[in-house]
Amino acid sequence: MKLDYTRIDPELLPGVEAFPALEITRDNVAQLRALMQENRVEPIPLPITAESKEIESAEGPVPVVIYR
């Protein structure tokens, strides 16, 4: 499968082009998935809290989530 670069935001192209070419086929997709799972890195937890609130408006309460 060829990557259609015309469908990628031009601002993102340098990052996309930095990745090595990868040929994914029906024959190797299971192997690629296994390799990705083996090399998976857990994300670093960020010190973020989430708080759910309701803000009153003319149409009634609006649910919001505040991230800090």
PDB file of N, CA and C in Angstrom:
ATOM      1  N   MET A   1       0.851  -1.179   0.000  1.00  0.00           N
ATOM      2  CA  MET A   1       0.000   0.000   0.000  1.00  0.00           C
ATOM      3  C   MET A   1       0.892   1.236   0.000  1.00  0.00           C
ATOM      4  N   LYS A   2       0.634   2.131  -0.890  1.00  0.00           N
ATOM      5  CA  LYS A   2       1.371   3.379  -0.971  1.00  0.00           C
ATOM      6  C   LYS A   2       0.676   4.437  -0.133  1.00  0.00           C
ATOM      7  N   LEU A   3       1.478   5.233   0.557  1.00  0.00           N
ATOM      8  CA  LEU A   3       0.943   6.318   1.363  1.00  0.00           C
ATOM      9  C   LEU A   3       0.637   7.504   0.456  1.00  0.00           C
ATOM     10  N   ASP A   4      -0.570   8.022   0.544  1.00  0.00           N
ATOM     11  CA  ASP A   4      -0.984   9.164  -0.266  1.00  0.00           C
ATOM     12  C   ASP A   4      -0.618  10.441   0.484  1.00  0.00           C
ATOM     13  N   TYR A   5       0.546  10.994   0.167  1.00  0.00           N
ATOM     14  CA  TYR A   5       1.045  12.167   0.872  1.00  0.00           C
ATOM     15  C   TYR A   5       0.191  13.407   0.638  1.00  0.00           C
ATOM     16  N   THR A   6      -0.640  13.409  -0.393  1.00  0.00           N
ATOM     17  CA  THR A   6      -1.485  14.575  -0.646  1.00  0.00           C
ATOM     18  C   THR A   6      -2.594  14.694   0.393  1.00  0.00           C
ATOM     19  N   ARG A   7      -2.843  13.617   1.137  1.00  0.00           N
ATOM     20  CA  ARG A   7      -3.917  13.641   2.135  1.00  0.00           C
ATOM     21  C   ARG A   7      -3.394  13.954   3.534  1.00  0.00           C
ATOM     22  N   ILE A   8      -2.102  14.264   3.648  1.00  0.00           N
ATOM     23  CA  ILE A   8      -1.481  14.569   4.934  1.00  0.00           C
ATOM     24  C   ILE A   8      -1.246  16.070   5.018  1.00  0.00           C
ATOM     25  N   ASP A   9      -1.530  16.632   6.172  1.00  0.00           N
ATOM     26  CA  ASP A   9      -1.282  18.052   6.396  1.00  0.00           C
ATOM     27  C   ASP A   9       0.197  18.341   6.104  1.00  0.00           C
ATOM     28  N   PRO A  10       0.499  19.316   5.250  1.00  0.00           N
ATOM     29  CA  PRO A  10       1.890  19.610   4.888  1.00  0.00           C
ATOM     30  C   PRO A  10       2.783  19.880   6.101  1.00  0.00           C
ATOM     31  N   GLU A  11       2.217  20.399   7.156  1.00  0.00           N
ATOM     32  CA  GLU A  11       2.994  20.685   8.358  1.00  0.00           C
ATOM     33  C   GLU A  11       3.500  19.399   9.026  1.00  0.00           C
ATOM     34  N   LEU A  12       2.794  18.283   8.808  1.00  0.00           N
ATOM     35  CA  LEU A  12       3.164  17.013   9.424  1.00  0.00           C
ATOM     36  C   LEU A  12       4.102  16.174   8.559  1.00  0.00           C
ATOM     37  N   LEU A  13       4.259  16.526   7.309  1.00  0.00           N
ATOM     38  CA  LEU A  13       5.055  15.718   6.380  1.00  0.00           C
ATOM     39  C   LEU A  13       6.493  15.460   6.833  1.00  0.00           C
ATOM     40  N   PRO A  14       7.232  16.439   7.360  1.00  0.00           N
ATOM     41  CA  PRO A  14       8.606  16.136   7.784  1.00  0.00           C
ATOM     42  C   PRO A  14       8.662  15.012   8.822  1.00  0.00           C
ATOM     43  N   GLY A  15       7.719  14.978   9.726  1.00  0.00           N
ATOM     44  CA  GLY A  15       7.687  13.910  10.722  1.00  0.00           C
ATOM     45  C   GLY A  15       7.347  12.570  10.112  1.00  0.00           C
ATOM     46  N   VAL A  16       6.403  12.554   9.196  1.00  0.00           N
ATOM     47  CA  VAL A  16       6.004  11.309   8.532  1.00  0.00           C
ATOM     48  C   VAL A  16       7.159  10.770   7.696  1.00  0.00           C
ATOM     49  N   GLU A  17       7.843  11.649   6.995  1.00  0.00           N
ATOM     50  CA  GLU A  17       8.943  11.225   6.133  1.00  0.00           C
ATOM     51  C   GLU A  17      10.147  10.741   6.929  1.00  0.00           C
ATOM     52  N   ALA A  18      10.239  11.112   8.212  1.00  0.00           N
ATOM     53  CA  ALA A  18      11.351  10.671   9.054  1.00  0.00           C
ATOM     54  C   ALA A  18      11.222   9.197   9.440  1.00  0.00           C
ATOM     55  N   PHE A  19      10.017   8.647   9.388  1.00  0.00           N
ATOM     56  CA  PHE A  19       9.810   7.239   9.720  1.00  0.00           C
ATOM     57  C   PHE A  19      10.309   6.361   8.574  1.00  0.00           C
ATOM     58  N   PRO A  20      10.864   5.197   8.912  1.00  0.00           N
ATOM     59  CA  PRO A  20      11.284   4.293   7.832  1.00  0.00           C
ATOM     60  C   PRO A  20      10.071   3.738   7.092  1.00  0.00           C
ATOM     61  N   ALA A  21      10.285   3.384   5.832  1.00  0.00           N
ATOM     62  CA  ALA A  21       9.202   2.797   5.040  1.00  0.00           C
ATOM     63  C   ALA A  21       8.797   1.467   5.662  1.00  0.00           C
ATOM     64  N   LEU A  22       7.527   1.188   5.667  1.00  0.00           N
ATOM     65  CA  LEU A  22       7.012  -0.034   6.274  1.00  0.00           C
ATOM     66  C   LEU A  22       6.007  -0.658   5.321  1.00  0.00           C
ATOM     67  N   GLU A  23       6.275  -1.863   4.915  1.00  0.00           N
ATOM     68  CA  GLU A  23       5.385  -2.576   4.004  1.00  0.00           C
ATOM     69  C   GLU A  23       4.511  -3.515   4.829  1.00  0.00           C
ATOM     70  N   ILE A  24       3.228  -3.232   4.894  1.00  0.00           N
ATOM     71  CA  ILE A  24       2.292  -4.063   5.649  1.00  0.00           C
ATOM     72  C   ILE A  24       1.462  -4.856   4.653  1.00  0.00           C
ATOM     73  N   THR A  25       1.489  -6.170   4.825  1.00  0.00           N
ATOM     74  CA  THR A  25       0.719  -7.056   3.956  1.00  0.00           C
ATOM     75  C   THR A  25      -0.093  -8.007   4.825  1.00  0.00           C
ATOM     76  N   ARG A  26      -0.973  -8.745   4.203  1.00  0.00           N
ATOM     77  CA  ARG A  26      -1.743  -9.750   4.945  1.00  0.00           C
ATOM     78  C   ARG A  26      -0.830 -10.830   5.507  1.00  0.00           C
ATOM     79  N   ASP A  27       0.289 -11.051   4.845  1.00  0.00           N
ATOM     80  CA  ASP A  27       1.215 -12.089   5.287  1.00  0.00           C
ATOM     81  C   ASP A  27       2.008 -11.693   6.527  1.00  0.00           C
ATOM     82  N   ASN A  28       2.281 -10.393   6.710  1.00  0.00           N
ATOM     83  CA  ASN A  28       3.124  -9.998   7.836  1.00  0.00           C
ATOM     84  C   ASN A  28       2.413  -9.190   8.912  1.00  0.00           C
ATOM     85  N   VAL A  29       1.136  -8.924   8.768  1.00  0.00           N
ATOM     86  CA  VAL A  29       0.453  -8.057   9.726  1.00  0.00           C
ATOM     87  C   VAL A  29       0.432  -8.665  11.129  1.00  0.00           C
ATOM     88  N   ALA A  30       0.248  -9.968  11.256  1.00  0.00           N
ATOM     89  CA  ALA A  30       0.234 -10.595  12.581  1.00  0.00           C
ATOM     90  C   ALA A  30       1.605 -10.472  13.243  1.00  0.00           C
ATOM     91  N   GLN A  31       2.654 -10.663  12.470  1.00  0.00           N
ATOM     92  CA  GLN A  31       4.011 -10.546  13.002  1.00  0.00           C
ATOM     93  C   GLN A  31       4.293  -9.102  13.434  1.00  0.00           C
ATOM     94  N   LEU A  32       3.878  -8.133  12.639  1.00  0.00           N
ATOM     95  CA  LEU A  32       4.079  -6.729  12.993  1.00  0.00           C
ATOM     96  C   LEU A  32       3.322  -6.363  14.262  1.00  0.00           C
ATOM     97  N   ARG A  33       2.111  -6.862  14.406  1.00  0.00           N
ATOM     98  CA  ARG A  33       1.335  -6.595  15.624  1.00  0.00           C
ATOM     99  C   ARG A  33       2.033  -7.181  16.841  1.00  0.00           C
ATOM    100  N   ALA A  34       2.564  -8.392  16.705  1.00  0.00           N
ATOM    101  CA  ALA A  34       3.272  -9.026  17.819  1.00  0.00           C
ATOM    102  C   ALA A  34       4.516  -8.227  18.196  1.00  0.00           C
ATOM    103  N   LEU A  35       5.259  -7.762  17.202  1.00  0.00           N
ATOM    104  CA  LEU A  35       6.443  -6.948  17.473  1.00  0.00           C
ATOM    105  C   LEU A  35       6.076  -5.647  18.175  1.00  0.00           C
ATOM    106  N   MET A  36       5.002  -5.016  17.731  1.00  0.00           N
ATOM    107  CA  MET A  36       4.566  -3.773  18.361  1.00  0.00           C
ATOM    108  C   MET A  36       4.166  -4.024  19.809  1.00  0.00           C
ATOM    109  N   GLN A  37       3.504  -5.133  20.073  1.00  0.00           N
ATOM    110  CA  GLN A  37       3.088  -5.454  21.434  1.00  0.00           C
ATOM    111  C   GLN A  37       4.306  -5.714  22.321  1.00  0.00           C
ATOM    112  N   GLU A  38       5.315  -6.405  21.789  1.00  0.00           N
ATOM    113  CA  GLU A  38       6.539  -6.685  22.549  1.00  0.00           C
ATOM    114  C   GLU A  38       7.270  -5.403  22.922  1.00  0.00           C
ATOM    115  N   ASN A  39       7.263  -4.433  22.040  1.00  0.00           N
ATOM    116  CA  ASN A  39       8.017  -3.193  22.242  1.00  0.00           C
ATOM    117  C   ASN A  39       7.177  -2.075  22.844  1.00  0.00           C
ATOM    118  N   ARG A  40       6.002  -2.424  23.304  1.00  0.00           N
ATOM    119  CA  ARG A  40       5.089  -1.416  23.852  1.00  0.00           C
ATOM    120  C   ARG A  40       5.667  -0.808  25.130  1.00  0.00           C
ATOM    121  N   VAL A  41       5.559   0.488  25.241  1.00  0.00           N
ATOM    122  CA  VAL A  41       6.024   1.210  26.417  1.00  0.00           C
ATOM    123  C   VAL A  41       4.814   1.867  27.063  1.00  0.00           C
ATOM    124  N   GLU A  42       4.679   1.663  28.365  1.00  0.00           N
ATOM    125  CA  GLU A  42       3.570   2.288  29.082  1.00  0.00           C
ATOM    126  C   GLU A  42       3.787   3.800  29.120  1.00  0.00           C
ATOM    127  N   PRO A  43       2.735   4.574  28.928  1.00  0.00           N
ATOM    128  CA  PRO A  43       2.882   6.029  28.990  1.00  0.00           C
ATOM    129  C   PRO A  43       3.204   6.479  30.414  1.00  0.00           C
ATOM    130  N   ILE A  44       3.944   7.555  30.503  1.00  0.00           N
ATOM    131  CA  ILE A  44       4.276   8.121  31.807  1.00  0.00           C
ATOM    132  C   ILE A  44       3.037   8.830  32.332  1.00  0.00           C
ATOM    133  N   PRO A  45       2.580   8.464  33.538  1.00  0.00           N
ATOM    134  CA  PRO A  45       1.390   9.131  34.071  1.00  0.00           C
ATOM    135  C   PRO A  45       1.685  10.607  34.369  1.00  0.00           C
ATOM    136  N   LEU A  46       0.791  11.450  33.962  1.00  0.00           N
ATOM    137  CA  LEU A  46       0.947  12.881  34.189  1.00  0.00           C
ATOM    138  C   LEU A  46       0.147  13.293  35.419  1.00  0.00           C
ATOM    139  N   PRO A  47       0.640  14.273  36.147  1.00  0.00           N
ATOM    140  CA  PRO A  47      -0.086  14.724  37.340  1.00  0.00           C
ATOM    141  C   PRO A  47      -1.280  15.604  36.963  1.00  0.00           C
ATOM    142  N   ILE A  48      -2.296  14.984  36.390  1.00  0.00           N
ATOM    143  CA  ILE A  48      -3.479  15.723  35.940  1.00  0.00           C
ATOM    144  C   ILE A  48      -4.693  15.218  36.706  1.00  0.00           C
ATOM    145  N   THR A  49      -5.514  16.159  37.136  1.00  0.00           N
ATOM    146  CA  THR A  49      -6.771  15.780  37.772  1.00  0.00           C
ATOM    147  C   THR A  49      -7.919  16.254  36.886  1.00  0.00           C
ATOM    148  N   ALA A  50      -9.012  15.544  36.957  1.00  0.00           N
ATOM    149  CA  ALA A  50     -10.205  15.917  36.193  1.00  0.00           C
ATOM    150  C   ALA A  50     -11.351  16.124  37.171  1.00  0.00           C
ATOM    151  N   GLU A  51     -12.085  17.196  36.971  1.00  0.00           N
ATOM    152  CA  GLU A  51     -13.209  17.528  37.840  1.00  0.00           C
ATOM    153  C   GLU A  51     -14.433  17.804  36.969  1.00  0.00           C
ATOM    154  N   SER A  52     -15.519  17.091  37.224  1.00  0.00           N
ATOM    155  CA  SER A  52     -16.761  17.298  36.471  1.00  0.00           C
ATOM    156  C   SER A  52     -17.643  18.293  37.204  1.00  0.00           C
ATOM    157  N   LYS A  53     -18.180  19.242  36.462  1.00  0.00           N
ATOM    158  CA  LYS A  53     -19.073  20.257  37.034  1.00  0.00           C
ATOM    159  C   LYS A  53     -20.191  20.546  36.048  1.00  0.00           C
ATOM    160  N   GLU A  54     -21.170  21.263  36.520  1.00  0.00           N
ATOM    161  CA  GLU A  54     -22.230  21.770  35.654  1.00  0.00           C
ATOM    162  C   GLU A  54     -22.245  23.281  35.768  1.00  0.00           C
ATOM    163  N   ILE A  55     -22.296  23.935  34.630  1.00  0.00           N
ATOM    164  CA  ILE A  55     -22.354  25.390  34.571  1.00  0.00           C
ATOM    165  C   ILE A  55     -23.759  25.764  34.119  1.00  0.00           C
ATOM    166  N   GLU A  56     -24.377  26.653  34.857  1.00  0.00           N
ATOM    167  CA  GLU A  56     -25.728  27.095  34.505  1.00  0.00           C
ATOM    168  C   GLU A  56     -25.678  28.007  33.280  1.00  0.00           C
ATOM    169  N   SER A  57     -26.631  27.809  32.390  1.00  0.00           N
ATOM    170  CA  SER A  57     -26.766  28.665  31.216  1.00  0.00           C
ATOM    171  C   SER A  57     -28.246  28.974  31.017  1.00  0.00           C
ATOM    172  N   ALA A  58     -28.546  29.822  30.057  1.00  0.00           N
ATOM    173  CA  ALA A  58     -29.935  30.183  29.780  1.00  0.00           C
ATOM    174  C   ALA A  58     -30.749  28.964  29.348  1.00  0.00           C
ATOM    175  N   GLU A  59     -30.082  27.982  28.730  1.00  0.00           N
ATOM    176  CA  GLU A  59     -30.770  26.769  28.274  1.00  0.00           C
ATOM    177  C   GLU A  59     -30.735  25.646  29.309  1.00  0.00           C
ATOM    178  N   GLY A  60     -30.167  25.914  30.461  1.00  0.00           N
ATOM    179  CA  GLY A  60     -30.061  24.886  31.498  1.00  0.00           C
ATOM    180  C   GLY A  60     -28.603  24.559  31.786  1.00  0.00           C
ATOM    181  N   PRO A  61     -28.380  23.592  32.655  1.00  0.00           N
ATOM    182  CA  PRO A  61     -27.001  23.272  33.027  1.00  0.00           C
ATOM    183  C   PRO A  61     -26.221  22.629  31.872  1.00  0.00           C
ATOM    184  N   VAL A  62     -24.936  23.000  31.793  1.00  0.00           N
ATOM    185  CA  VAL A  62     -24.040  22.461  30.769  1.00  0.00           C
ATOM    186  C   VAL A  62     -22.942  21.674  31.487  1.00  0.00           C
ATOM    187  N   PRO A  63     -22.811  20.383  31.187  1.00  0.00           N
ATOM    188  CA  PRO A  63     -21.748  19.615  31.840  1.00  0.00           C
ATOM    189  C   PRO A  63     -20.375  19.991  31.271  1.00  0.00           C
ATOM    190  N   VAL A  64     -19.407  20.184  32.159  1.00  0.00           N
ATOM    191  CA  VAL A  64     -18.038  20.487  31.747  1.00  0.00           C
ATOM    192  C   VAL A  64     -17.073  19.622  32.551  1.00  0.00           C
ATOM    193  N   VAL A  65     -15.907  19.412  31.994  1.00  0.00           N
ATOM    194  CA  VAL A  65     -14.839  18.719  32.703  1.00  0.00           C
ATOM    195  C   VAL A  65     -13.651  19.666  32.748  1.00  0.00           C
ATOM    196  N   ILE A  66     -13.125  19.884  33.945  1.00  0.00           N
ATOM    197  CA  ILE A  66     -11.993  20.785  34.137  1.00  0.00           C
ATOM    198  C   ILE A  66     -10.758  19.931  34.400  1.00  0.00           C
ATOM    199  N   TYR A  67      -9.741  20.093  33.562  1.00  0.00           N
ATOM    200  CA  TYR A  67      -8.483  19.359  33.724  1.00  0.00           C
ATOM    201  C   TYR A  67      -7.439  20.308  34.301  1.00  0.00           C
ATOM    202  N   ARG A  68      -6.738  19.859  35.329  1.00  0.00           N
ATOM    203  CA  ARG A  68      -5.672  20.675  35.948  1.00  0.00           C
ATOM    204  C   ARG A  68      -4.418  19.856  36.069  1.00  0.00           C
TER     205      ARG A  68
END
